[in-house]
C-alpha atoms as a PDB file:
ATOM      1  CA  MET A   1     -49.619 -10.836 -12.695  1.00  0.00           C
ATOM      2  CA  GLY A   2     -46.546 -12.860 -13.649  1.00  0.00           C
ATOM      3  CA  CYS A   3     -44.644 -11.892 -10.457  1.00  0.00           C
ATOM      4  CA  THR A   4     -47.635 -12.872  -8.332  1.00  0.00           C
ATOM      5  CA  ALA A   5     -47.779 -16.308  -9.991  1.00  0.00           C
ATOM      6  CA  MET A   6     -44.034 -16.904  -9.434  1.00  0.00           C
ATOM      7  CA  LYS A   7     -44.330 -15.932  -5.757  1.00  0.00           C
ATOM      8  CA  ALA A   8     -47.223 -18.351  -5.325  1.00  0.00           C
ATOM      9  CA  GLN A   9     -45.142 -21.150  -6.846  1.00  0.00           C
ATOM     10  CA  ASP A  10     -42.273 -20.448  -4.402  1.00  0.00           C
ATOM     11  CA  THR A  11     -44.580 -20.606  -1.396  1.00  0.00           C
ATOM     12  CA  GLN A  12     -45.355 -24.061  -0.023  1.00  0.00           C
ATOM     13  CA  VAL A  13     -47.877 -25.259   2.504  1.00  0.00           C
ATOM     14  CA  GLN A  14     -46.162 -25.063   5.900  1.00  0.00           C
ATOM     15  CA  ASN A  15     -45.973 -28.213   8.003  1.00  0.00           C
ATOM     16  CA  ARG A  16     -46.515 -27.681  11.742  1.00  0.00           C
ATOM     17  CA  PRO A  17     -46.770 -23.878  11.427  1.00  0.00           C
ATOM     18  CA  TYR A  18     -47.048 -23.237  15.183  1.00  0.00           C
ATOM     19  CA  THR A  19     -44.355 -25.614  16.434  1.00  0.00           C
ATOM     20  CA  ASP A  20     -41.800 -22.820  17.033  1.00  0.00           C
ATOM     21  CA  LEU A  21     -44.252 -20.886  19.208  1.00  0.00           C
ATOM     22  CA  ARG A  22     -44.094 -23.465  22.009  1.00  0.00           C
ATOM     23  CA  PRO A  23     -42.479 -21.924  25.114  1.00  0.00           C
ATOM     24  CA  PHE A  24     -40.776 -25.233  25.958  1.00  0.00           C
ATOM     25  CA  HIS A  25     -40.539 -28.654  24.335  1.00  0.00           C
ATOM     26  CA  PHE A  26     -38.690 -31.975  24.560  1.00  0.00           C
ATOM     27  CA  GLY A  27     -37.098 -34.254  21.987  1.00  0.00           C
ATOM     28  CA  VAL A  28     -34.669 -37.093  21.415  1.00  0.00           C
ATOM     29  CA  MET A  29     -31.345 -37.230  19.592  1.00  0.00           C
ATOM     30  CA  VAL A  30     -29.170 -39.818  17.873  1.00  0.00           C
ATOM     31  CA  GLY A  31     -25.987 -39.343  15.916  1.00  0.00           C
ATOM     32  CA  THR A  32     -22.414 -40.217  15.161  1.00  0.00           C
ATOM     33  CA  HIS A  33     -19.180 -38.451  16.005  1.00  0.00           C
ATOM     34  CA  LEU A  34     -15.421 -38.501  15.457  1.00  0.00           C
ATOM     35  CA  GLN A  35     -13.019 -38.259  18.409  1.00  0.00           C
ATOM     36  CA  ASP A  36      -9.393 -37.153  18.503  1.00  0.00           C
ATOM     37  CA  LEU A  37      -6.780 -36.332  21.147  1.00  0.00           C
ATOM     38  CA  GLU A  38      -4.243 -33.538  20.742  1.00  0.00           C
ATOM     39  CA  PHE A  39      -1.082 -34.551  22.642  1.00  0.00           C
ATOM     40  CA  VAL A  40       1.816 -32.508  24.011  1.00  0.00           C
ATOM     41  CA  GLY A  41       4.789 -34.868  24.363  1.00  0.00           C
ATOM     42  CA  MET A  42       7.016 -35.149  27.396  1.00  0.00           C
ATOM     43  CA  GLY A  43      10.227 -35.249  25.331  1.00  0.00           C
ATOM     44  CA  PRO A  44      13.335 -37.171  26.485  1.00  0.00           C
ATOM     45  CA  GLN A  45      12.779 -38.862  29.829  1.00  0.00           C
ATOM     46  CA  THR A  46      15.154 -40.590  32.194  1.00  0.00           C
ATOM     47  CA  ILE A  47      14.085 -44.094  33.176  1.00  0.00           C
ATOM     48  CA  THR A  48      15.544 -46.104  36.075  1.00  0.00           C
ATOM     49  CA  THR A  49      15.639 -49.838  35.381  1.00  0.00           C
ATOM     50  CA  ASP A  50      17.279 -52.806  37.044  1.00  0.00           C
ATOM     51  CA  ASP A  51      20.254 -52.241  34.726  1.00  0.00           C
ATOM     52  CA  GLY A  52      20.684 -48.567  35.604  1.00  0.00           C
ATOM     53  CA  THR A  53      19.497 -45.204  34.279  1.00  0.00           C
ATOM     54  CA  VAL A  54      18.723 -44.735  30.584  1.00  0.00           C
ATOM     55  CA  GLU A  55      17.138 -42.018  28.443  1.00  0.00           C
ATOM     56  CA  LYS A  56      14.054 -42.810  26.371  1.00  0.00           C
ATOM     57  CA  ILE A  57      12.184 -40.820  23.735  1.00  0.00           C
ATOM     58  CA  ILE A  58       8.566 -41.847  23.132  1.00  0.00           C
ATOM     59  CA  THR A  59       6.150 -40.143  20.742  1.00  0.00           C
ATOM     60  CA  THR A  60       2.387 -40.539  21.221  1.00  0.00           C
ATOM     61  CA  ASP A  61      -0.298 -39.937  18.634  1.00  0.00           C
ATOM     62  CA  GLN A  62      -3.853 -40.740  17.687  1.00  0.00           C
ATOM     63  CA  ASP A  63      -3.147 -40.946  13.971  1.00  0.00           C
ATOM     64  CA  LYS A  64      -6.788 -40.812  12.830  1.00  0.00           C
ATOM     65  CA  TRP A  65     -10.192 -39.608  13.964  1.00  0.00           C
ATOM     66  CA  ASP A  66     -12.048 -42.564  15.503  1.00  0.00           C
ATOM     67  CA  ALA A  67     -15.814 -42.917  15.110  1.00  0.00           C
ATOM     68  CA  GLY A  68     -18.433 -43.380  17.808  1.00  0.00           C
ATOM     69  CA  PHE A  69     -22.158 -42.860  18.352  1.00  0.00           C
ATOM     70  CA  THR A  70     -24.347 -40.602  20.463  1.00  0.00           C
ATOM     71  CA  VAL A  71     -27.809 -40.917  22.048  1.00  0.00           C
ATOM     72  CA  GLY A  72     -29.674 -38.492  24.277  1.00  0.00           C
ATOM     73  CA  VAL A  73     -32.638 -36.265  25.000  1.00  0.00           C
ATOM     74  CA  LEU A  74     -33.198 -32.514  24.915  1.00  0.00           C
ATOM     75  CA  GLY A  75     -35.278 -29.752  26.377  1.00  0.00           C
ATOM     76  CA  GLU A  76     -35.508 -26.418  24.564  1.00  0.00           C
ATOM     77  CA  LEU A  77     -36.706 -23.071  25.937  1.00  0.00           C
ATOM     78  CA  ARG A  78     -37.920 -20.400  23.522  1.00  0.00           C
ATOM     79  CA  LEU A  79     -36.301 -17.019  24.266  1.00  0.00           C
ATOM     80  CA  GLY A  80     -37.792 -15.048  21.398  1.00  0.00           C
ATOM     81  CA  THR A  81     -38.408 -15.063  17.671  1.00  0.00           C
ATOM     82  CA  HIS A  82     -34.849 -16.021  16.761  1.00  0.00           C
ATOM     83  CA  PHE A  83     -33.232 -17.281  19.997  1.00  0.00           C
ATOM     84  CA  ALA A  84     -33.624 -20.461  22.037  1.00  0.00           C
ATOM     85  CA  PHE A  85     -31.748 -22.172  24.875  1.00  0.00           C
ATOM     86  CA  ARG A  86     -31.229 -25.941  24.671  1.00  0.00           C
ATOM     87  CA  LEU A  87     -30.189 -28.398  27.353  1.00  0.00           C
ATOM     88  CA  ALA A  88     -29.228 -31.756  25.838  1.00  0.00           C
ATOM     89  CA  PRO A  89     -28.075 -34.580  28.171  1.00  0.00           C
ATOM     90  CA  ALA A  90     -26.449 -37.331  26.091  1.00  0.00           C
ATOM     91  CA  MET A  91     -24.046 -40.266  26.103  1.00  0.00           C
ATOM     92  CA  TYR A  92     -21.040 -40.497  23.784  1.00  0.00           C
ATOM     93  CA  PHE A  93     -19.611 -43.964  23.091  1.00  0.00           C
ATOM     94  CA  GLY A  94     -16.327 -44.453  21.256  1.00  0.00           C
ATOM     95  CA  THR A  95     -12.834 -45.933  21.148  1.00  0.00           C
ATOM     96  CA  ARG A  96      -9.622 -44.024  20.473  1.00  0.00           C
ATOM     97  CA  ASN A  97      -6.636 -45.891  19.016  1.00  0.00           C
ATOM     98  CA  ILE A  98      -3.413 -44.533  20.522  1.00  0.00           C
ATOM     99  CA  LYS A  99      -0.004 -45.345  19.043  1.00  0.00           C
ATOM    100  CA  PHE A 100       3.303 -45.064  20.891  1.00  0.00           C
ATOM    101  CA  MET A 101       6.588 -45.041  18.964  1.00  0.00           C
ATOM    102  CA  ASN A 102       9.784 -45.743  20.894  1.00  0.00           C
ATOM    103  CA  LEU A 103      12.499 -43.774  19.091  1.00  0.00           C
ATOM    104  CA  THR A 104      15.229 -45.203  21.324  1.00  0.00           C
ATOM    105  CA  ASP A 105      14.716 -48.971  21.136  1.00  0.00           C
ATOM    106  CA  LYS A 106      14.731 -51.054  17.956  1.00  0.00           C
ATOM    107  CA  THR A 107      13.225 -54.398  17.006  1.00  0.00           C
ATOM    108  CA  GLY A 108      15.282 -57.273  15.594  1.00  0.00           C
ATOM    109  CA  GLU A 109      14.481 -55.908  12.137  1.00  0.00           C
ATOM    110  CA  GLY A 110      15.886 -52.473  12.994  1.00  0.00           C
ATOM    111  CA  LYS A 111      12.490 -50.740  13.247  1.00  0.00           C
ATOM    112  CA  ASN A 112      11.287 -48.555  16.101  1.00  0.00           C
ATOM    113  CA  VAL A 113       9.381 -50.415  18.826  1.00  0.00           C
ATOM    114  CA  MET A 114       5.632 -49.678  18.616  1.00  0.00           C
ATOM    115  CA  GLN A 115       2.914 -50.044  21.226  1.00  0.00           C
ATOM    116  CA  ASN A 116      -0.856 -49.598  20.779  1.00  0.00           C
ATOM    117  CA  GLN A 117      -3.667 -48.823  23.178  1.00  0.00           C
ATOM    118  CA  GLU A 118      -7.420 -48.901  22.631  1.00  0.00           C
ATOM    119  CA  LEU A 119      -8.740 -46.104  24.815  1.00  0.00           C
ATOM    120  CA  LYS A 120     -12.449 -46.739  25.263  1.00  0.00           C
ATOM    121  CA  THR A 121     -14.511 -43.681  26.173  1.00  0.00           C
ATOM    122  CA  ILE A 122     -18.015 -43.401  27.581  1.00  0.00           C
ATOM    123  CA  TYR A 123     -19.030 -39.818  28.269  1.00  0.00           C
ATOM    124  CA  ILE A 124     -22.146 -38.494  29.968  1.00  0.00           C
ATOM    125  CA  SER A 125     -22.594 -34.941  28.691  1.00  0.00           C
ATOM    126  CA  SER A 126     -24.979 -32.101  29.377  1.00  0.00           C
ATOM    127  CA  ALA A 127     -24.641 -29.563  26.566  1.00  0.00           C
ATOM    128  CA  MET A 128     -25.993 -26.056  27.207  1.00  0.00           C
ATOM    129  CA  ASP A 129     -26.391 -24.237  23.892  1.00  0.00           C
ATOM    130  CA  LEU A 130     -27.712 -20.920  22.651  1.00  0.00           C
ATOM    131  CA  ILE A 131     -29.396 -21.207  19.237  1.00  0.00           C
ATOM    132  CA  PHE A 132     -29.853 -18.353  16.777  1.00  0.00           C
ATOM    133  CA  SER A 133     -32.313 -19.211  13.984  1.00  0.00           C
ATOM    134  CA  ALA A 134     -32.942 -17.403  10.707  1.00  0.00           C
ATOM    135  CA  PRO A 135     -36.525 -16.629   9.623  1.00  0.00           C
ATOM    136  CA  ARG A 136     -38.418 -19.713   8.480  1.00  0.00           C
ATOM    137  CA  PHE A 137     -38.736 -20.192   4.727  1.00  0.00           C
ATOM    138  CA  ASN A 138     -41.386 -22.742   3.748  1.00  0.00           C
ATOM    139  CA  ASN A 139     -40.368 -25.899   5.640  1.00  0.00           C
ATOM    140  CA  HIS A 140     -36.727 -24.997   6.305  1.00  0.00           C
ATOM    141  CA  ARG A 141     -35.043 -22.835   8.924  1.00  0.00           C
ATOM    142  CA  PRO A 142     -31.203 -22.713   9.209  1.00  0.00           C
ATOM    143  CA  TYR A 143     -29.537 -21.804  12.490  1.00  0.00           C
ATOM    144  CA  LEU A 144     -26.215 -21.329  14.282  1.00  0.00           C
ATOM    145  CA  MET A 145     -25.436 -22.589  17.768  1.00  0.00           C
ATOM    146  CA  ALA A 146     -22.733 -22.185  20.421  1.00  0.00           C
ATOM    147  CA  GLY A 147     -22.373 -23.355  23.991  1.00  0.00           C
ATOM    148  CA  VAL A 148     -20.463 -25.307  26.601  1.00  0.00           C
ATOM    149  CA  ASN A 149     -20.638 -29.016  27.244  1.00  0.00           C
ATOM    150  CA  PRO A 150     -19.380 -30.471  30.559  1.00  0.00           C
ATOM    151  CA  MET A 151     -18.705 -34.204  30.312  1.00  0.00           C
ATOM    152  CA  LEU A 152     -18.208 -37.010  32.814  1.00  0.00           C
ATOM    153  CA  ASN A 153     -15.862 -39.795  31.683  1.00  0.00           C
ATOM    154  CA  LEU A 154     -17.028 -43.228  32.900  1.00  0.00           C
ATOM    155  CA  SER A 155     -14.221 -45.239  31.286  1.00  0.00           C
ATOM    156  CA  GLY A 156     -10.539 -45.855  31.977  1.00  0.00           C
ATOM    157  CA  SER A 157      -8.416 -48.598  33.483  1.00  0.00           C
ATOM    158  CA  ASP A 158      -5.414 -48.463  35.811  1.00  0.00           C
ATOM    159  CA  SER A 159      -3.610 -50.868  33.457  1.00  0.00           C
ATOM    160  CA  ASP A 160      -3.825 -48.461  30.478  1.00  0.00           C
ATOM    161  CA  TYR A 161      -0.778 -46.497  29.381  1.00  0.00           C
ATOM    162  CA  ILE A 162      -2.840 -43.319  28.947  1.00  0.00           C
ATOM    163  CA  LYS A 163      -5.758 -42.538  31.235  1.00  0.00           C
ATOM    164  CA  LEU A 164      -8.083 -39.535  31.041  1.00  0.00           C
ATOM    165  CA  LYS A 165      -9.561 -37.517  33.885  1.00  0.00           C
ATOM    166  CA  ARG A 166     -13.110 -38.047  35.030  1.00  0.00           C
ATOM    167  CA  TYR A 167     -14.210 -34.543  34.056  1.00  0.00           C
ATOM    168  CA  ASP A 168     -13.804 -32.361  30.972  1.00  0.00           C
ATOM    169  CA  VAL A 169     -15.478 -29.246  29.564  1.00  0.00           C
ATOM    170  CA  PHE A 170     -15.920 -28.565  25.861  1.00  0.00           C
ATOM    171  CA  LEU A 171     -16.602 -25.399  23.908  1.00  0.00           C
ATOM    172  CA  GLU A 172     -18.885 -26.225  20.985  1.00  0.00           C
ATOM    173  CA  VAL A 173     -20.016 -24.335  17.894  1.00  0.00           C
ATOM    174  CA  GLY A 174     -22.028 -25.573  14.949  1.00  0.00           C
ATOM    175  CA  LEU A 175     -24.777 -25.108  12.431  1.00  0.00           C
ATOM    176  CA  GLY A 176     -27.917 -26.947  11.439  1.00  0.00           C
ATOM    177  CA  CYS A 177     -31.288 -26.676   9.776  1.00  0.00           C
ATOM    178  CA  ASP A 178     -34.822 -27.276  11.016  1.00  0.00           C
ATOM    179  CA  LEU A 179     -36.772 -29.470   8.594  1.00  0.00           C
ATOM    180  CA  TYR A 180     -40.512 -29.275   9.237  1.00  0.00           C
ATOM    181  CA  LEU A 181     -42.074 -32.640   8.400  1.00  0.00           C
ATOM    182  CA  PRO A 182     -45.794 -33.452   8.644  1.00  0.00           C
ATOM    183  CA  PHE A 183     -45.576 -35.195  12.033  1.00  0.00           C
ATOM    184  CA  PHE A 184     -42.393 -33.842  13.659  1.00  0.00           C
ATOM    185  CA  LYS A 185     -39.466 -31.484  13.210  1.00  0.00           C
ATOM    186  CA  LEU A 186     -36.148 -33.021  12.167  1.00  0.00           C
ATOM    187  CA  ARG A 187     -32.990 -31.086  12.951  1.00  0.00           C
ATOM    188  CA  PRO A 188     -29.674 -32.303  11.460  1.00  0.00           C
ATOM    189  CA  GLU A 189     -26.752 -30.519  13.112  1.00  0.00           C
ATOM    190  CA  LEU A 190     -22.972 -30.507  12.633  1.00  0.00           C
ATOM    191  CA  LYS A 191     -20.900 -29.193  15.521  1.00  0.00           C
ATOM    192  CA  PHE A 192     -17.265 -28.956  16.547  1.00  0.00           C
ATOM    193  CA  CYS A 193     -16.240 -29.503  20.176  1.00  0.00           C
ATOM    194  CA  TYR A 194     -12.860 -28.579  21.676  1.00  0.00           C
ATOM    195  CA  GLY A 195     -11.787 -29.476  25.204  1.00  0.00           C
ATOM    196  CA  LEU A 196     -10.980 -26.467  27.381  1.00  0.00           C
ATOM    197  CA  THR A 197      -8.976 -28.389  29.990  1.00  0.00           C
ATOM    198  CA  ASN A 198      -6.028 -30.742  30.078  1.00  0.00           C
ATOM    199  CA  CYS A 199      -7.943 -34.024  30.172  1.00  0.00           C
ATOM    200  CA  LEU A 200      -4.862 -36.181  30.918  1.00  0.00           C
ATOM    201  CA  ASP A 201      -4.680 -37.925  34.292  1.00  0.00           C
ATOM    202  CA  THR A 202      -1.135 -36.795  35.119  1.00  0.00           C
ATOM    203  CA  ASP A 203      -1.051 -38.877  38.313  1.00  0.00           C
ATOM    204  CA  HIS A 204      -1.613 -42.113  36.417  1.00  0.00           C
ATOM    205  CA  PRO A 205       2.099 -42.782  35.494  1.00  0.00           C
ATOM    206  CA  LYS A 206       2.995 -42.868  39.197  1.00  0.00           C
ATOM    207  CA  ARG A 207       1.355 -46.289  39.380  1.00  0.00           C
ATOM    208  CA  PHE A 208       4.216 -47.638  37.243  1.00  0.00           C
ATOM    209  CA  LYS A 209       7.100 -46.061  39.216  1.00  0.00           C
ATOM    210  CA  ASP A 210       8.468 -49.430  40.316  1.00  0.00           C
ATOM    211  CA  PRO A 211      11.707 -50.193  38.367  1.00  0.00           C
ATOM    212  CA  SER A 212      10.272 -53.580  37.372  1.00  0.00           C
ATOM    213  CA  MET A 213       7.518 -51.696  35.491  1.00  0.00           C
ATOM    214  CA  ALA A 214       9.825 -49.193  33.773  1.00  0.00           C
ATOM    215  CA  ASP A 215       8.743 -50.432  30.342  1.00  0.00           C
ATOM    216  CA  ARG A 216       5.160 -49.368  31.132  1.00  0.00           C
ATOM    217  CA  PHE A 217       6.153 -46.174  32.916  1.00  0.00           C
ATOM    218  CA  MET A 218       7.973 -44.705  29.910  1.00  0.00           C
ATOM    219  CA  TYR A 219       4.844 -45.042  27.743  1.00  0.00           C
ATOM    220  CA  ALA A 220       2.480 -43.772  30.430  1.00  0.00           C
ATOM    221  CA  ASN A 221       4.849 -40.835  31.051  1.00  0.00           C
ATOM    222  CA  SER A 222       5.303 -39.956  27.364  1.00  0.00           C
ATOM    223  CA  VAL A 223       2.600 -37.236  27.426  1.00  0.00           C
ATOM    224  CA  LYS A 224       2.335 -34.200  29.699  1.00  0.00           C
ATOM    225  CA  GLU A 225      -0.882 -32.726  28.320  1.00  0.00           C
ATOM    226  CA  CYS A 226      -3.724 -33.610  25.966  1.00  0.00           C
ATOM    227  CA  ARG A 227      -6.955 -32.009  24.837  1.00  0.00           C
ATOM    228  CA  SER A 228      -9.957 -33.764  23.413  1.00  0.00           C
ATOM    229  CA  LYS A 229     -11.661 -32.840  20.136  1.00  0.00           C
ATOM    230  CA  ILE A 230     -14.996 -34.076  18.770  1.00  0.00           C
ATOM    231  CA  ILE A 231     -16.827 -33.534  15.490  1.00  0.00           C
ATOM    232  CA  ALA A 232     -20.474 -34.568  15.919  1.00  0.00           C
ATOM    233  CA  LEU A 233     -23.269 -35.078  13.401  1.00  0.00           C
ATOM    234  CA  THR A 234     -26.530 -35.261  15.342  1.00  0.00           C
ATOM    235  CA  PHE A 235     -30.175 -35.698  14.370  1.00  0.00           C
ATOM    236  CA  TYR A 236     -32.745 -34.161  16.732  1.00  0.00           C
ATOM    237  CA  PHE A 237     -36.361 -35.319  16.614  1.00  0.00           C
ATOM    238  CA  GLU A 238     -38.709 -32.748  18.121  1.00  0.00           C
END
């Protein structure tokens, strides 16, 4: 008798009990994210100026994760009791702060010369994810997800030191939990995205090859490879 009473207390009235039986449904998403770039430096480089040939050493770094925001829509296909496939077109807005340290040249105060660049990014993404959900307990259902996310970069200027390619592809993994509310399902999700390609536009430094632009060329040429990383916290409304 006592065990039966305790079990009854643990069981709650389920909100939207048939929502996971839909073969296909739509939703919207909003969220925030942190962006970072992982650089591989060029090392010492020989620069030709009006005064001759000199060697320069420039280090490049994004010294902190920069925040942005995300908006989008989703369509989800039910594959079975525990599996679903989700297609989620979205837009990622953000700004990366890039710092260049010139280890060769000094200021009047004897410090290394520093340069900064605000690298604005606007991505159109189309994440394709496979979702594995645990059995529902009352009004909660945790899940794991993994997938690929091709992105189109709409930003970038020819005057920037560092410029990214138009296309990138991310591998993403994460976890979340379905929260069944009276009028809709809320799904908070935390995922980690890692770029699978070298997203650096390696042809961009050639625009500064003229000796009169050597000061810009050495910063633009300071990196030979970079990969993008994103940590995203997203809220899906379904």
